[in-house]
Amino acid sequence: MVTDASITLERIEGFITGFWWILPNLGIAMVVFLLFLAIAWGARSAVSRFFNYRGRPDLATLLAGSARWSIIVLGLLVVATIVFPSVKPADVLATLGVGSIAIGFAFKDILQNWLAGLLLLLRQPFRQGDQIVVGKHEGTVERIEARATLIRTYDGKRVIIPNSSVYTESVTVNTAFEQSRSEYDVGIGYGDDVGQACEVIRSALKGVPGVSDEPAPEAIPWELAGSSVNIKVRWWTRPQRAEVVHVRGRVIQAVQQALGHAGIDLPFPTNVVLLHDQTEEADGDRTRQREGWPAGDNPPAPRHLNEVTVDGAGEPERTEEATRLGRGRH
């Protein structure tokens, strides 16, 4: 009669025998895996040196890491076929195909961002150090990783934007060209000479540090506004944000001083407030009900704003007529 102890011993003996049978395969598999590790390290180093030599550090990091892990995964599949001879390469490839589909569905966003990052690095619409605008975010590109693009905002914050968003959204590259144009509207009085004002502004901008001589600064009459004639001032600078901001401040200061020295007015919006009884004789039938007084045969007479005087304390002093009218409204 076979006991449980004898069955257990037979199983242990079978395991030991099987281990001795596959021990040579394990040794060969270990050597092969070490060989694949060496190949992966060499491929990573070669790809990294190749792209770093061409000034593409982000692409070097992405492709070097991908090459390394691809070779390691391939080595693991080869090791599996060596250790388990019953596993055929066709079965491994079939399993890999089904598994890749499952992995693709499970890690769709990760693979999408990786592919978008690869395309961004290959096409290079922008590079490290460029200043870009993506959606609501603006800043300097730090680096492009496998999953996301990292930018540093002008106020010292880091924004991590998925590569798929960067690739599909519109991106403004502020530093794509050597120069960028800025503009500002300056209002002068209607009684001033527009041509003289434009000439004064152009002369003032020529002496501002950071303003480019080519293209030359411009001052163009632009709008007849409610209280001023607006002149659009345009100038070119280097595209970096710090340069644009500081030059803009120097330009505004120079324009204000130059127009002031030339005696050209810089007006500001004004409002005229009329009280209800400060109207003209020709405003219509004053015996009918209107806003400010009721209907009647004895309407208030027209009164000019200057009829309201100011006493020594700075408070408005109402004339006797104004007081009478005020009581009449109540």
Protein backbone atom coordinates (compact mmCIF):
# COMPACT_ATOMS: atom_id res chain seq x y z
CA MET A 1 0.00 0.00 0.00
CA VAL A 2 1.39 3.35 -1.02
CA THR A 3 1.53 5.87 1.77
CA ASP A 4 1.45 9.67 1.59
CA ALA A 5 5.06 9.84 2.75
CA SER A 6 6.23 7.70 -0.16
CA ILE A 7 4.28 9.88 -2.62
CA THR A 8 5.91 13.01 -1.17
CA LEU A 9 9.35 11.47 -1.42
CA GLU A 10 8.74 10.53 -5.03
CA ARG A 11 7.72 14.07 -5.83
CA ILE A 12 10.81 15.49 -4.15
CA GLU A 13 13.00 13.03 -6.04
CA GLY A 14 11.25 14.08 -9.27
CA PHE A 15 11.92 17.73 -8.56
CA ILE A 16 15.57 17.02 -7.84
CA THR A 17 15.92 14.92 -10.96
CA GLY A 18 14.21 17.59 -13.04
CA PHE A 19 16.42 20.26 -11.56
CA TRP A 20 19.54 18.30 -12.49
CA TRP A 21 18.18 17.88 -15.99
CA ILE A 22 17.51 21.62 -16.48
CA LEU A 23 20.63 22.76 -14.58
CA PRO A 24 22.72 22.92 -17.76
CA ASN A 25 19.93 24.88 -19.42
CA LEU A 26 19.87 27.29 -16.48
CA GLY A 27 23.59 27.83 -16.82
CA ILE A 28 23.28 28.46 -20.53
CA ALA A 29 20.27 30.74 -19.94
CA MET A 30 22.22 32.77 -17.36
CA VAL A 31 25.12 33.22 -19.76
CA VAL A 32 22.74 34.20 -22.56
CA PHE A 33 20.91 36.68 -20.32
CA LEU A 34 24.19 38.26 -19.22
CA LEU A 35 25.11 38.53 -22.89
CA PHE A 36 21.80 40.30 -23.62
CA LEU A 37 22.42 42.64 -20.68
CA ALA A 38 25.81 43.53 -22.13
CA ILE A 39 24.25 44.09 -25.56
CA ALA A 40 21.52 46.27 -24.00
CA TRP A 41 24.11 48.35 -22.15
CA GLY A 42 26.17 48.74 -25.32
CA ALA A 43 23.12 49.69 -27.39
CA ARG A 44 22.05 52.23 -24.79
CA SER A 45 25.50 53.81 -24.71
CA ALA A 46 25.80 53.87 -28.50
CA VAL A 47 22.39 55.46 -29.04
CA SER A 48 23.01 58.00 -26.28
CA ARG A 49 26.40 59.02 -27.66
CA PHE A 50 25.06 59.19 -31.22
CA PHE A 51 22.25 61.62 -30.46
CA ASN A 52 24.10 63.61 -27.79
CA TYR A 53 26.86 64.22 -30.33
CA ARG A 54 24.22 65.75 -32.61
CA GLY A 55 22.81 67.97 -29.88
CA ARG A 56 19.65 65.93 -29.24
CA PRO A 57 19.88 65.02 -25.51
CA ASP A 58 16.14 64.45 -25.00
CA LEU A 59 15.90 62.14 -28.01
CA ALA A 60 19.05 60.36 -26.83
CA THR A 61 17.50 59.64 -23.42
CA LEU A 62 14.20 58.43 -24.89
CA LEU A 63 15.63 56.14 -27.58
CA ALA A 64 18.50 54.85 -25.43
CA GLY A 65 16.09 53.74 -22.71
CA SER A 66 13.73 52.18 -25.26
CA ALA A 67 16.56 50.26 -26.96
CA ARG A 68 17.87 48.98 -23.62
CA TRP A 69 14.53 47.65 -22.40
CA SER A 70 13.61 46.18 -25.79
CA ILE A 71 16.80 44.10 -25.80
CA ILE A 72 16.27 43.01 -22.19
CA VAL A 73 12.71 41.85 -22.95
CA LEU A 74 13.96 39.95 -25.98
CA GLY A 75 16.63 38.34 -23.81
CA LEU A 76 14.03 37.21 -21.29
CA LEU A 77 12.04 35.53 -24.08
CA VAL A 78 15.14 33.72 -25.33
CA VAL A 79 15.99 32.62 -21.79
CA ALA A 80 12.47 31.23 -21.39
CA THR A 81 12.87 29.08 -24.51
CA ILE A 82 16.23 27.79 -23.24
CA VAL A 83 15.09 26.92 -19.74
CA PHE A 84 11.83 25.37 -20.95
CA PRO A 85 12.62 23.58 -24.22
CA SER A 86 8.97 22.69 -24.70
CA VAL A 87 8.24 26.37 -25.25
CA LYS A 88 8.54 27.01 -28.98
CA PRO A 89 9.48 30.40 -30.50
CA ALA A 90 6.18 30.43 -32.41
CA ASP A 91 4.27 30.06 -29.14
CA VAL A 92 6.32 32.87 -27.60
CA LEU A 93 5.61 35.16 -30.56
CA ALA A 94 1.90 34.33 -30.47
CA THR A 95 1.79 35.01 -26.74
CA LEU A 96 3.71 38.23 -27.30
CA GLY A 97 1.23 39.34 -29.95
CA VAL A 98 -1.80 38.72 -27.75
CA GLY A 99 -0.03 40.26 -24.79
CA SER A 100 0.94 43.35 -26.74
CA ILE A 101 -2.71 43.93 -27.62
CA ALA A 102 -3.72 43.61 -23.98
CA ILE A 103 -0.86 45.86 -22.90
CA GLY A 104 -1.85 48.35 -25.58
CA PHE A 105 -5.37 48.64 -24.21
CA ALA A 106 -4.19 48.78 -20.60
CA PHE A 107 -1.49 51.38 -21.19
CA LYS A 108 -3.05 53.30 -24.07
CA ASP A 109 -2.36 56.74 -22.59
CA ILE A 110 1.23 55.86 -21.71
CA LEU A 111 1.96 54.54 -25.19
CA GLN A 112 0.19 57.51 -26.77
CA ASN A 113 2.31 59.96 -24.77
CA TRP A 114 5.48 57.99 -25.58
CA LEU A 115 4.76 58.05 -29.31
CA ALA A 116 3.85 61.76 -29.17
CA GLY A 117 7.10 62.48 -27.31
CA LEU A 118 9.07 60.55 -29.92
CA LEU A 119 7.44 62.52 -32.75
CA LEU A 120 8.08 65.81 -30.96
CA LEU A 121 11.74 64.92 -30.53
CA LEU A 122 12.10 63.82 -34.14
CA ARG A 123 10.32 66.81 -35.70
CA GLN A 124 11.60 69.35 -33.13
CA PRO A 125 8.95 72.09 -33.32
CA PHE A 126 10.72 73.44 -30.23
CA ARG A 127 13.81 72.55 -28.21
CA GLN A 128 15.18 72.81 -24.70
CA GLY A 129 15.38 76.46 -23.68
CA ASP A 130 12.63 77.63 -26.05
CA GLN A 131 9.84 79.71 -24.55
CA ILE A 132 6.44 78.37 -25.58
CA VAL A 133 2.74 78.77 -24.89
CA VAL A 134 0.62 75.60 -24.61
CA GLY A 135 -3.02 76.25 -23.74
CA LYS A 136 -3.07 78.26 -20.51
CA HIS A 137 0.59 77.59 -19.72
CA GLU A 138 3.61 79.63 -20.80
CA GLY A 139 7.25 79.17 -19.90
CA THR A 140 10.65 77.80 -20.83
CA VAL A 141 11.04 74.18 -22.00
CA GLU A 142 13.17 72.24 -19.53
CA ARG A 143 13.08 68.86 -21.25
CA ILE A 144 10.88 66.41 -23.11
CA GLU A 145 10.50 63.06 -21.37
CA ALA A 146 8.86 59.83 -22.51
CA ARG A 147 5.54 60.79 -20.93
CA ALA A 148 5.44 64.57 -20.66
CA THR A 149 6.99 67.90 -21.56
CA LEU A 150 8.28 69.93 -18.62
CA ILE A 151 8.21 73.73 -18.76
CA ARG A 152 9.28 76.28 -16.17
CA THR A 153 6.91 79.24 -15.91
CA TYR A 154 8.18 82.81 -15.63
CA ASP A 155 7.19 82.95 -11.97
CA GLY A 156 9.29 79.92 -11.08
CA LYS A 157 6.82 77.03 -11.26
CA ARG A 158 7.10 73.73 -13.11
CA VAL A 159 4.24 72.58 -15.34
CA ILE A 160 4.10 68.97 -16.57
CA ILE A 161 2.09 68.68 -19.79
CA PRO A 162 1.34 65.25 -21.35
CA ASN A 163 3.07 64.86 -24.72
CA SER A 164 -0.19 63.91 -26.42
CA SER A 165 -1.67 67.29 -25.42
CA VAL A 166 1.39 69.15 -26.65
CA TYR A 167 1.32 67.29 -29.96
CA THR A 168 -2.40 67.77 -30.65
CA GLU A 169 -2.88 71.34 -29.34
CA SER A 170 -1.64 74.54 -30.94
CA VAL A 171 1.73 75.64 -29.56
CA THR A 172 3.17 79.15 -29.79
CA VAL A 173 6.97 79.20 -29.84
CA ASN A 174 7.94 82.71 -28.76
CA THR A 175 11.66 82.15 -29.35
CA ALA A 176 11.37 80.50 -32.76
CA PHE A 177 12.94 83.53 -34.48
CA GLU A 178 15.68 85.97 -33.58
CA GLN A 179 13.35 88.92 -33.00
CA SER A 180 9.78 89.54 -31.89
CA ARG A 181 7.61 92.65 -32.15
CA SER A 182 5.88 94.46 -29.30
CA GLU A 183 3.36 97.29 -29.49
CA TYR A 184 1.68 99.87 -27.30
CA ASP A 185 -1.03 102.50 -27.88
CA VAL A 186 -0.25 106.10 -26.92
CA GLY A 187 -3.01 108.76 -26.86
CA ILE A 188 -2.36 112.45 -27.60
CA GLY A 189 -4.70 115.43 -27.52
CA TYR A 190 -6.85 116.39 -30.49
CA GLY A 191 -5.19 119.82 -30.56
CA ASP A 192 -1.68 118.36 -30.99
CA ASP A 193 0.15 117.73 -34.25
CA VAL A 194 -0.08 113.99 -34.98
CA GLY A 195 2.86 114.02 -37.39
CA GLN A 196 5.10 115.77 -34.88
CA ALA A 197 4.07 113.34 -32.16
CA CYS A 198 4.92 110.34 -34.36
CA GLU A 199 8.32 111.80 -35.17
CA VAL A 200 9.04 112.48 -31.49
CA ILE A 201 8.11 108.90 -30.60
CA ARG A 202 10.28 107.39 -33.34
CA SER A 203 13.25 109.54 -32.28
CA ALA A 204 12.77 108.55 -28.65
CA LEU A 205 12.71 104.83 -29.45
CA LYS A 206 15.98 104.97 -31.37
CA GLY A 207 17.86 105.66 -28.18
CA VAL A 208 16.23 102.96 -26.04
CA PRO A 209 18.60 100.07 -25.20
CA GLY A 210 17.32 96.77 -26.54
CA VAL A 211 15.16 98.23 -29.33
CA SER A 212 16.31 96.89 -32.69
CA ASP A 213 17.33 99.28 -35.46
CA GLU A 214 16.24 96.82 -38.15
CA PRO A 215 13.28 96.67 -38.51
CA ALA A 216 13.07 100.27 -37.36
CA PRO A 217 10.57 101.39 -34.69
CA GLU A 218 7.21 102.63 -35.97
CA ALA A 219 4.63 105.16 -34.79
CA ILE A 220 1.35 104.97 -36.74
CA PRO A 221 -1.81 107.09 -36.22
CA TRP A 222 -4.29 104.39 -35.35
CA GLU A 223 -7.58 105.56 -33.85
CA LEU A 224 -9.73 108.63 -33.22
CA ALA A 225 -10.87 107.77 -29.71
CA GLY A 226 -13.31 109.58 -27.43
CA SER A 227 -10.76 111.82 -25.73
CA SER A 228 -7.51 111.24 -27.65
CA VAL A 229 -5.89 110.45 -30.96
CA ASN A 230 -4.27 107.04 -30.47
CA ILE A 231 -0.87 106.28 -31.98
CA LYS A 232 0.26 102.64 -32.21
CA VAL A 233 3.92 102.33 -31.27
CA ARG A 234 5.69 99.18 -32.54
CA TRP A 235 9.25 98.02 -31.99
CA TRP A 236 11.37 94.85 -32.26
CA THR A 237 13.50 93.17 -29.58
CA ARG A 238 15.06 89.83 -28.83
CA PRO A 239 12.28 87.29 -28.16
CA GLN A 240 13.24 86.22 -24.63
CA ARG A 241 10.55 87.14 -22.09
CA ALA A 242 12.85 89.06 -19.74
CA GLU A 243 14.18 91.15 -22.64
CA VAL A 244 10.68 91.91 -23.94
CA VAL A 245 9.39 93.01 -20.51
CA HIS A 246 12.32 95.25 -19.61
CA VAL A 247 12.51 96.90 -23.02
CA ARG A 248 8.77 97.57 -22.90
CA GLY A 249 9.20 99.44 -19.63
CA ARG A 250 12.07 101.52 -21.04
CA VAL A 251 10.05 102.30 -24.18
CA ILE A 252 7.01 103.57 -22.23
CA GLN A 253 9.22 105.74 -20.03
CA ALA A 254 11.10 107.19 -23.01
CA VAL A 255 7.88 107.97 -24.92
CA GLN A 256 6.28 109.69 -21.93
CA GLN A 257 9.33 111.86 -21.30
CA ALA A 258 9.84 112.74 -24.97
CA LEU A 259 6.22 113.80 -25.50
CA GLY A 260 6.28 115.80 -22.30
CA HIS A 261 9.43 117.68 -23.35
CA ALA A 262 7.86 118.37 -26.76
CA GLY A 263 4.77 119.90 -25.14
CA ILE A 264 2.43 117.25 -26.51
CA ASP A 265 -0.58 116.52 -24.33
CA LEU A 266 -1.22 113.03 -22.94
CA PRO A 267 -4.93 113.23 -22.12
CA PHE A 268 -6.94 110.83 -20.03
CA PRO A 269 -10.62 109.91 -20.39
CA THR A 270 -13.02 112.49 -18.97
CA ASN A 271 -16.72 112.31 -18.12
CA VAL A 272 -19.24 115.17 -17.97
CA VAL A 273 -22.05 114.72 -15.43
CA LEU A 274 -25.22 116.86 -15.87
CA LEU A 275 -27.75 117.22 -13.07
CA HIS A 276 -31.39 116.82 -14.05
CA ASP A 277 -32.14 120.57 -14.19
CA GLN A 278 -28.93 121.51 -15.97
CA THR A 279 -30.48 121.42 -19.43
CA GLU A 280 -31.01 123.74 -22.35
CA GLU A 281 -34.09 125.77 -23.26
CA ALA A 282 -34.46 123.74 -26.44
CA ASP A 283 -34.77 120.39 -24.64
CA GLY A 284 -38.52 120.17 -25.26
CA ASP A 285 -41.77 120.79 -23.41
CA ARG A 286 -40.70 121.43 -19.84
CA THR A 287 -44.29 121.35 -18.51
CA ARG A 288 -44.53 117.59 -19.09
CA GLN A 289 -43.29 115.04 -16.60
CA ARG A 290 -39.59 114.31 -17.14
CA GLU A 291 -36.87 112.58 -15.21
CA GLY A 292 -35.92 114.88 -12.36
CA TRP A 293 -39.12 116.87 -11.90
CA PRO A 294 -42.90 116.31 -12.05
CA ALA A 295 -45.38 117.67 -14.57
CA GLY A 296 -46.87 121.13 -13.92
CA ASP A 297 -47.41 124.64 -15.20
CA ASN A 298 -44.42 126.00 -13.29
CA PRO A 299 -41.45 123.80 -14.32
CA PRO A 300 -37.95 124.56 -13.07
CA ALA A 301 -36.02 126.96 -15.24
CA PRO A 302 -32.86 125.82 -17.02
CA ARG A 303 -29.83 126.17 -14.78
CA HIS A 304 -26.15 126.04 -15.75
CA LEU A 305 -23.62 124.04 -13.79
CA ASN A 306 -21.71 127.23 -12.90
CA GLU A 307 -24.67 128.40 -10.82
CA VAL A 308 -23.57 125.89 -8.16
CA THR A 309 -20.85 127.56 -6.07
CA VAL A 310 -18.37 126.09 -3.62
CA ASP A 311 -17.98 127.52 -0.14
CA GLY A 312 -14.73 127.96 1.69
CA ALA A 313 -14.91 124.50 3.25
CA GLY A 314 -14.95 122.85 -0.14
CA GLU A 315 -18.61 121.77 0.11
CA PRO A 316 -21.06 122.64 -2.68
CA GLU A 317 -23.36 125.54 -1.68
CA ARG A 318 -26.78 125.57 -3.26
CA THR A 319 -28.28 128.85 -4.41
CA GLU A 320 -31.71 129.97 -3.18
CA GLU A 321 -33.20 128.97 -6.51
CA ALA A 322 -31.61 125.52 -6.32
CA THR A 323 -32.92 125.05 -2.79
CA ARG A 324 -36.42 126.01 -3.88
CA LEU A 325 -36.29 123.59 -6.77
CA GLY A 326 -35.04 120.83 -4.51
CA ARG A 327 -37.97 121.33 -2.12
CA GLY A 328 -40.35 121.39 -5.06
CA ARG A 329 -39.19 117.92 -6.13
CA HIS A 330 -40.08 116.43 -2.78
